[in-house]
Every structure is written in structure tokens, then in C-alpha cells.
Amino acid sequence: LLCQKNFSDVVILSSYKINSVLREYFGVDIKVDRVGRMLANIAKKNQLKRLKTNIPKYSLKISRLSKLKF
């Protein structure tokens, strides 16, 4: 869903962004730290580039979306 509404070829993933999409579109309320742990595991499996910010954020190219491992 984040990638569908994105105009660039790269999407920035963060636990807060994913949590707000889950809450707004699906009505699912999950703790942000759990979303962050799941995101970190997915990023590690797929070797996503971590951005140098205080809040962990990962860069995902739209072309690699179909090849993601969960």
C-alpha cells in the first residue's frame, strides 16, 4: 500500500509509517515496537539499506518489492 501511492522509485519504510497505515486502512492497532522488530527482521533478510536516523528507517526500491522475503 505504501509503494502503490509512492511517486518515486524508492520508498522509505519506518515502523511509525507502517503502523499508521495498518491503523488507518485496516483498523489494526499493533504496538510500534513490535512493528519495528518485524521491520528489522525483514530488512535483515532482504539486505535493505538502513538510513542514518535516530528512528530506524530502511530504503526499499520499488523494483525489489516483488522479491521481498518474509
PDB file of N, CA and C in Angstrom:
ATOM      1  N   LEU A   1       0.826  -1.186   0.000  1.00  0.00           N
ATOM      2  CA  LEU A   1       0.000   0.000   0.000  1.00  0.00           C
ATOM      3  C   LEU A   1       0.875   1.256   0.000  1.00  0.00           C
ATOM      4  N   LEU A   2       1.960   1.221   0.765  1.00  0.00           N
ATOM      5  CA  LEU A   2       2.880   2.366   0.775  1.00  0.00           C
ATOM      6  C   LEU A   2       3.522   2.560  -0.592  1.00  0.00           C
ATOM      7  N   CYS A   3       3.824   1.466  -1.260  1.00  0.00           N
ATOM      8  CA  CYS A   3       4.504   1.540  -2.549  1.00  0.00           C
ATOM      9  C   CYS A   3       3.559   1.953  -3.665  1.00  0.00           C
ATOM     10  N   GLN A   4       2.283   1.643  -3.557  1.00  0.00           N
ATOM     11  CA  GLN A   4       1.325   1.989  -4.597  1.00  0.00           C
ATOM     12  C   GLN A   4       1.124   3.495  -4.692  1.00  0.00           C
ATOM     13  N   LYS A   5       1.163   4.187  -3.572  1.00  0.00           N
ATOM     14  CA  LYS A   5       0.905   5.626  -3.563  1.00  0.00           C
ATOM     15  C   LYS A   5       2.184   6.451  -3.680  1.00  0.00           C
ATOM     16  N   ASN A   6       3.296   5.807  -3.911  1.00  0.00           N
ATOM     17  CA  ASN A   6       4.576   6.497  -3.975  1.00  0.00           C
ATOM     18  C   ASN A   6       4.884   6.900  -5.411  1.00  0.00           C
ATOM     19  N   PHE A   7       5.451   8.082  -5.610  1.00  0.00           N
ATOM     20  CA  PHE A   7       5.763   8.571  -6.943  1.00  0.00           C
ATOM     21  C   PHE A   7       7.200   8.282  -7.351  1.00  0.00           C
ATOM     22  N   SER A   8       8.082   8.101  -6.406  1.00  0.00           N
ATOM     23  CA  SER A   8       9.486   7.852  -6.733  1.00  0.00           C
ATOM     24  C   SER A   8       9.739   6.358  -6.861  1.00  0.00           C
ATOM     25  N   ASP A   9      10.962   5.999  -7.209  1.00  0.00           N
ATOM     26  CA  ASP A   9      11.303   4.580  -7.365  1.00  0.00           C
ATOM     27  C   ASP A   9      11.829   3.975  -6.066  1.00  0.00           C
ATOM     28  N   VAL A  10      11.895   4.775  -4.988  1.00  0.00           N
ATOM     29  CA  VAL A  10      12.355   4.294  -3.685  1.00  0.00           C
ATOM     30  C   VAL A  10      11.329   4.706  -2.629  1.00  0.00           C
ATOM     31  N   VAL A  11      11.039   3.779  -1.721  1.00  0.00           N
ATOM     32  CA  VAL A  11      10.132   4.085  -0.614  1.00  0.00           C
ATOM     33  C   VAL A  11      10.926   3.969   0.686  1.00  0.00           C
ATOM     34  N   ILE A  12      10.675   4.865   1.634  1.00  0.00           N
ATOM     35  CA  ILE A  12      11.337   4.828   2.934  1.00  0.00           C
ATOM     36  C   ILE A  12      10.378   4.176   3.922  1.00  0.00           C
ATOM     37  N   LEU A  13      10.822   3.074   4.518  1.00  0.00           N
ATOM     38  CA  LEU A  13       9.990   2.332   5.460  1.00  0.00           C
ATOM     39  C   LEU A  13      10.403   2.649   6.888  1.00  0.00           C
ATOM     40  N   SER A  14       9.440   2.942   7.717  1.00  0.00           N
ATOM     41  CA  SER A  14       9.688   3.113   9.149  1.00  0.00           C
ATOM     42  C   SER A  14       8.544   2.458   9.910  1.00  0.00           C
ATOM     43  N   SER A  15       8.788   2.118  11.148  1.00  0.00           N
ATOM     44  CA  SER A  15       7.765   1.440  11.946  1.00  0.00           C
ATOM     45  C   SER A  15       6.559   2.349  12.181  1.00  0.00           C
ATOM     46  N   TYR A  16       6.782   3.647  12.337  1.00  0.00           N
ATOM     47  CA  TYR A  16       5.678   4.571  12.568  1.00  0.00           C
ATOM     48  C   TYR A  16       4.797   4.691  11.330  1.00  0.00           C
ATOM     49  N   LYS A  17       5.422   4.735  10.158  1.00  0.00           N
ATOM     50  CA  LYS A  17       4.671   4.846   8.913  1.00  0.00           C
ATOM     51  C   LYS A  17       3.838   3.586   8.675  1.00  0.00           C
ATOM     52  N   ILE A  18       4.438   2.421   8.876  1.00  0.00           N
ATOM     53  CA  ILE A  18       3.727   1.157   8.684  1.00  0.00           C
ATOM     54  C   ILE A  18       2.594   1.034   9.695  1.00  0.00           C
ATOM     55  N   ASN A  19       2.846   1.428  10.934  1.00  0.00           N
ATOM     56  CA  ASN A  19       1.821   1.362  11.976  1.00  0.00           C
ATOM     57  C   ASN A  19       0.637   2.266  11.646  1.00  0.00           C
ATOM     58  N   SER A  20       0.892   3.457  11.140  1.00  0.00           N
ATOM     59  CA  SER A  20      -0.214   4.361  10.813  1.00  0.00           C
ATOM     60  C   SER A  20      -1.028   3.843   9.633  1.00  0.00           C
ATOM     61  N   VAL A  21      -0.384   3.203   8.656  1.00  0.00           N
ATOM     62  CA  VAL A  21      -1.114   2.617   7.528  1.00  0.00           C
ATOM     63  C   VAL A  21      -1.976   1.452   8.004  1.00  0.00           C
ATOM     64  N   LEU A  22      -1.432   0.602   8.869  1.00  0.00           N
ATOM     65  CA  LEU A  22      -2.202  -0.524   9.404  1.00  0.00           C
ATOM     66  C   LEU A  22      -3.416  -0.038  10.188  1.00  0.00           C
ATOM     67  N   ARG A  23      -3.229   1.001  10.968  1.00  0.00           N
ATOM     68  CA  ARG A  23      -4.320   1.528  11.786  1.00  0.00           C
ATOM     69  C   ARG A  23      -5.383   2.204  10.920  1.00  0.00           C
ATOM     70  N   GLU A  24      -4.951   3.011   9.940  1.00  0.00           N
ATOM     71  CA  GLU A  24      -5.891   3.788   9.143  1.00  0.00           C
ATOM     72  C   GLU A  24      -6.682   2.930   8.158  1.00  0.00           C
ATOM     73  N   TYR A  25      -6.008   2.045   7.447  1.00  0.00           N
ATOM     74  CA  TYR A  25      -6.667   1.300   6.382  1.00  0.00           C
ATOM     75  C   TYR A  25      -7.246  -0.041   6.822  1.00  0.00           C
ATOM     76  N   PHE A  26      -6.658  -0.663   7.845  1.00  0.00           N
ATOM     77  CA  PHE A  26      -7.094  -1.996   8.238  1.00  0.00           C
ATOM     78  C   PHE A  26      -7.665  -2.057   9.650  1.00  0.00           C
ATOM     79  N   GLY A  27      -7.577  -0.984  10.403  1.00  0.00           N
ATOM     80  CA  GLY A  27      -8.115  -0.959  11.752  1.00  0.00           C
ATOM     81  C   GLY A  27      -7.342  -1.812  12.737  1.00  0.00           C
ATOM     82  N   VAL A  28      -6.099  -2.126  12.418  1.00  0.00           N
ATOM     83  CA  VAL A  28      -5.261  -2.969  13.268  1.00  0.00           C
ATOM     84  C   VAL A  28      -4.389  -2.067  14.127  1.00  0.00           C
ATOM     85  N   ASP A  29      -4.431  -2.278  15.444  1.00  0.00           N
ATOM     86  CA  ASP A  29      -3.623  -1.462  16.350  1.00  0.00           C
ATOM     87  C   ASP A  29      -2.547  -2.343  16.984  1.00  0.00           C
ATOM     88  N   ILE A  30      -1.338  -2.240  16.469  1.00  0.00           N
ATOM     89  CA  ILE A  30      -0.194  -3.013  16.958  1.00  0.00           C
ATOM     90  C   ILE A  30       0.797  -2.029  17.567  1.00  0.00           C
ATOM     91  N   LYS A  31       1.478  -2.437  18.617  1.00  0.00           N
ATOM     92  CA  LYS A  31       2.488  -1.575  19.225  1.00  0.00           C
ATOM     93  C   LYS A  31       3.603  -1.294  18.220  1.00  0.00           C
ATOM     94  N   VAL A  32       4.087  -0.056  18.235  1.00  0.00           N
ATOM     95  CA  VAL A  32       5.105   0.376  17.279  1.00  0.00           C
ATOM     96  C   VAL A  32       6.394  -0.420  17.441  1.00  0.00           C
ATOM     97  N   ASP A  33       6.751  -0.790  18.667  1.00  0.00           N
ATOM     98  CA  ASP A  33       7.996  -1.530  18.858  1.00  0.00           C
ATOM     99  C   ASP A  33       7.927  -2.916  18.223  1.00  0.00           C
ATOM    100  N   ARG A  34       6.748  -3.537  18.218  1.00  0.00           N
ATOM    101  CA  ARG A  34       6.593  -4.835  17.547  1.00  0.00           C
ATOM    102  C   ARG A  34       6.735  -4.686  16.037  1.00  0.00           C
ATOM    103  N   VAL A  35       6.126  -3.633  15.494  1.00  0.00           N
ATOM    104  CA  VAL A  35       6.243  -3.365  14.062  1.00  0.00           C
ATOM    105  C   VAL A  35       7.704  -3.116  13.716  1.00  0.00           C
ATOM    106  N   GLY A  36       8.406  -2.395  14.570  1.00  0.00           N
ATOM    107  CA  GLY A  36       9.827  -2.116  14.355  1.00  0.00           C
ATOM    108  C   GLY A  36      10.672  -3.371  14.353  1.00  0.00           C
ATOM    109  N   ARG A  37      10.372  -4.303  15.255  1.00  0.00           N
ATOM    110  CA  ARG A  37      11.122  -5.569  15.288  1.00  0.00           C
ATOM    111  C   ARG A  37      10.865  -6.394  14.035  1.00  0.00           C
ATOM    112  N   MET A  38       9.604  -6.432  13.589  1.00  0.00           N
ATOM    113  CA  MET A  38       9.288  -7.167  12.358  1.00  0.00           C
ATOM    114  C   MET A  38       9.968  -6.522  11.156  1.00  0.00           C
ATOM    115  N   LEU A  39       9.958  -5.201  11.105  1.00  0.00           N
ATOM    116  CA  LEU A  39      10.602  -4.481  10.012  1.00  0.00           C
ATOM    117  C   LEU A  39      12.102  -4.732  10.008  1.00  0.00           C
ATOM    118  N   ALA A  40      12.724  -4.751  11.170  1.00  0.00           N
ATOM    119  CA  ALA A  40      14.162  -5.021  11.260  1.00  0.00           C
ATOM    120  C   ALA A  40      14.489  -6.428  10.765  1.00  0.00           C
ATOM    121  N   ASN A  41      13.648  -7.410  11.106  1.00  0.00           N
ATOM    122  CA  ASN A  41      13.872  -8.775  10.632  1.00  0.00           C
ATOM    123  C   ASN A  41      13.730  -8.872   9.119  1.00  0.00           C
ATOM    124  N   ILE A  42      12.720  -8.229   8.564  1.00  0.00           N
ATOM    125  CA  ILE A  42      12.519  -8.239   7.114  1.00  0.00           C
ATOM    126  C   ILE A  42      13.668  -7.525   6.421  1.00  0.00           C
ATOM    127  N   ALA A  43      14.117  -6.413   6.983  1.00  0.00           N
ATOM    128  CA  ALA A  43      15.228  -5.667   6.395  1.00  0.00           C
ATOM    129  C   ALA A  43      16.513  -6.483   6.414  1.00  0.00           C
ATOM    130  N   LYS A  44      16.727  -7.228   7.478  1.00  0.00           N
ATOM    131  CA  LYS A  44      17.929  -8.055   7.576  1.00  0.00           C
ATOM    132  C   LYS A  44      17.899  -9.182   6.549  1.00  0.00           C
ATOM    133  N   LYS A  45      16.746  -9.834   6.386  1.00  0.00           N
ATOM    134  CA  LYS A  45      16.615 -10.924   5.418  1.00  0.00           C
ATOM    135  C   LYS A  45      16.805 -10.445   3.984  1.00  0.00           C
ATOM    136  N   ASN A  46      16.356  -9.231   3.700  1.00  0.00           N
ATOM    137  CA  ASN A  46      16.385  -8.701   2.337  1.00  0.00           C
ATOM    138  C   ASN A  46      17.528  -7.725   2.089  1.00  0.00           C
ATOM    139  N   GLN A  47      18.379  -7.539   3.077  1.00  0.00           N
ATOM    140  CA  GLN A  47      19.540  -6.653   2.983  1.00  0.00           C
ATOM    141  C   GLN A  47      19.150  -5.247   2.529  1.00  0.00           C
ATOM    142  N   LEU A  48      18.139  -4.687   3.198  1.00  0.00           N
ATOM    143  CA  LEU A  48      17.717  -3.326   2.894  1.00  0.00           C
ATOM    144  C   LEU A  48      18.676  -2.341   3.546  1.00  0.00           C
ATOM    145  N   LYS A  49      18.888  -1.227   2.881  1.00  0.00           N
ATOM    146  CA  LYS A  49      19.801  -0.209   3.391  1.00  0.00           C
ATOM    147  C   LYS A  49      19.129   0.569   4.522  1.00  0.00           C
ATOM    148  N   ARG A  50      19.827   0.663   5.661  1.00  0.00           N
ATOM    149  CA  ARG A  50      19.312   1.417   6.806  1.00  0.00           C
ATOM    150  C   ARG A  50      19.797   2.853   6.710  1.00  0.00           C
ATOM    151  N   LEU A  51      18.885   3.785   6.885  1.00  0.00           N
ATOM    152  CA  LEU A  51      19.239   5.199   6.857  1.00  0.00           C
ATOM    153  C   LEU A  51      19.765   5.614   8.219  1.00  0.00           C
ATOM    154  N   LYS A  52      20.633   6.576   8.246  1.00  0.00           N
ATOM    155  CA  LYS A  52      21.272   7.010   9.488  1.00  0.00           C
ATOM    156  C   LYS A  52      20.401   8.054  10.191  1.00  0.00           C
ATOM    157  N   THR A  53      19.374   7.573  10.867  1.00  0.00           N
ATOM    158  CA  THR A  53      18.492   8.434  11.656  1.00  0.00           C
ATOM    159  C   THR A  53      18.321   7.804  13.032  1.00  0.00           C
ATOM    160  N   ASN A  54      17.784   8.564  13.968  1.00  0.00           N
ATOM    161  CA  ASN A  54      17.539   8.015  15.309  1.00  0.00           C
ATOM    162  C   ASN A  54      16.477   6.923  15.281  1.00  0.00           C
ATOM    163  N   ILE A  55      15.434   7.142  14.491  1.00  0.00           N
ATOM    164  CA  ILE A  55      14.390   6.131  14.312  1.00  0.00           C
ATOM    165  C   ILE A  55      14.815   5.256  13.140  1.00  0.00           C
ATOM    166  N   PRO A  56      14.860   3.930  13.320  1.00  0.00           N
ATOM    167  CA  PRO A  56      15.280   3.062  12.214  1.00  0.00           C
ATOM    168  C   PRO A  56      14.374   3.207  10.993  1.00  0.00           C
ATOM    169  N   LYS A  57      14.988   3.555   9.875  1.00  0.00           N
ATOM    170  CA  LYS A  57      14.277   3.679   8.604  1.00  0.00           C
ATOM    171  C   LYS A  57      15.075   2.919   7.566  1.00  0.00           C
ATOM    172  N   TYR A  58      14.362   2.299   6.636  1.00  0.00           N
ATOM    173  CA  TYR A  58      15.004   1.484   5.618  1.00  0.00           C
ATOM    174  C   TYR A  58      14.561   1.939   4.240  1.00  0.00           C
ATOM    175  N   SER A  59      15.467   1.837   3.293  1.00  0.00           N
ATOM    176  CA  SER A  59      15.202   2.228   1.924  1.00  0.00           C
ATOM    177  C   SER A  59      14.862   0.985   1.104  1.00  0.00           C
ATOM    178  N   LEU A  60      13.744   1.015   0.399  1.00  0.00           N
ATOM    179  CA  LEU A  60      13.304  -0.111  -0.423  1.00  0.00           C
ATOM    180  C   LEU A  60      13.026   0.384  -1.829  1.00  0.00           C
ATOM    181  N   LYS A  61      13.699  -0.203  -2.806  1.00  0.00           N
ATOM    182  CA  LYS A  61      13.426   0.133  -4.199  1.00  0.00           C
ATOM    183  C   LYS A  61      12.149  -0.582  -4.622  1.00  0.00           C
ATOM    184  N   ILE A  62      11.296   0.133  -5.338  1.00  0.00           N
ATOM    185  CA  ILE A  62      10.013  -0.416  -5.766  1.00  0.00           C
ATOM    186  C   ILE A  62      10.221  -1.655  -6.635  1.00  0.00           C
ATOM    187  N   SER A  63      11.281  -1.683  -7.418  1.00  0.00           N
ATOM    188  CA  SER A  63      11.543  -2.829  -8.291  1.00  0.00           C
ATOM    189  C   SER A  63      11.833  -4.104  -7.499  1.00  0.00           C
ATOM    190  N   ARG A  64      12.278  -3.979  -6.254  1.00  0.00           N
ATOM    191  CA  ARG A  64      12.580  -5.147  -5.411  1.00  0.00           C
ATOM    192  C   ARG A  64      11.386  -5.599  -4.575  1.00  0.00           C
ATOM    193  N   LEU A  65      10.270  -4.916  -4.704  1.00  0.00           N
ATOM    194  CA  LEU A  65       9.099  -5.217  -3.882  1.00  0.00           C
ATOM    195  C   LEU A  65       8.607  -6.648  -4.080  1.00  0.00           C
ATOM    196  N   SER A  66       8.565  -7.115  -5.317  1.00  0.00           N
ATOM    197  CA  SER A  66       8.045  -8.463  -5.582  1.00  0.00           C
ATOM    198  C   SER A  66       8.998  -9.559  -5.107  1.00  0.00           C
ATOM    199  N   LYS A  67      10.253  -9.213  -4.832  1.00  0.00           N
ATOM    200  CA  LYS A  67      11.257 -10.197  -4.419  1.00  0.00           C
ATOM    201  C   LYS A  67      11.483 -10.226  -2.908  1.00  0.00           C
ATOM    202  N   LEU A  68      10.665  -9.499  -2.146  1.00  0.00           N
ATOM    203  CA  LEU A  68      10.843  -9.457  -0.693  1.00  0.00           C
ATOM    204  C   LEU A  68      10.608 -10.820  -0.065  1.00  0.00           C
ATOM    205  N   LYS A  69      11.459 -11.158   0.909  1.00  0.00           N
ATOM    206  CA  LYS A  69      11.307 -12.393   1.679  1.00  0.00           C
ATOM    207  C   LYS A  69      10.747 -12.024   3.049  1.00  0.00           C
ATOM    208  N   PHE A  70       9.755 -12.785   3.488  1.00  0.00           N
ATOM    209  CA  PHE A  70       9.149 -12.520   4.797  1.00  0.00           C
ATOM    210  C   PHE A  70       9.507 -13.593   5.722  1.00  0.00           C
TER     211      PHE A  70
END
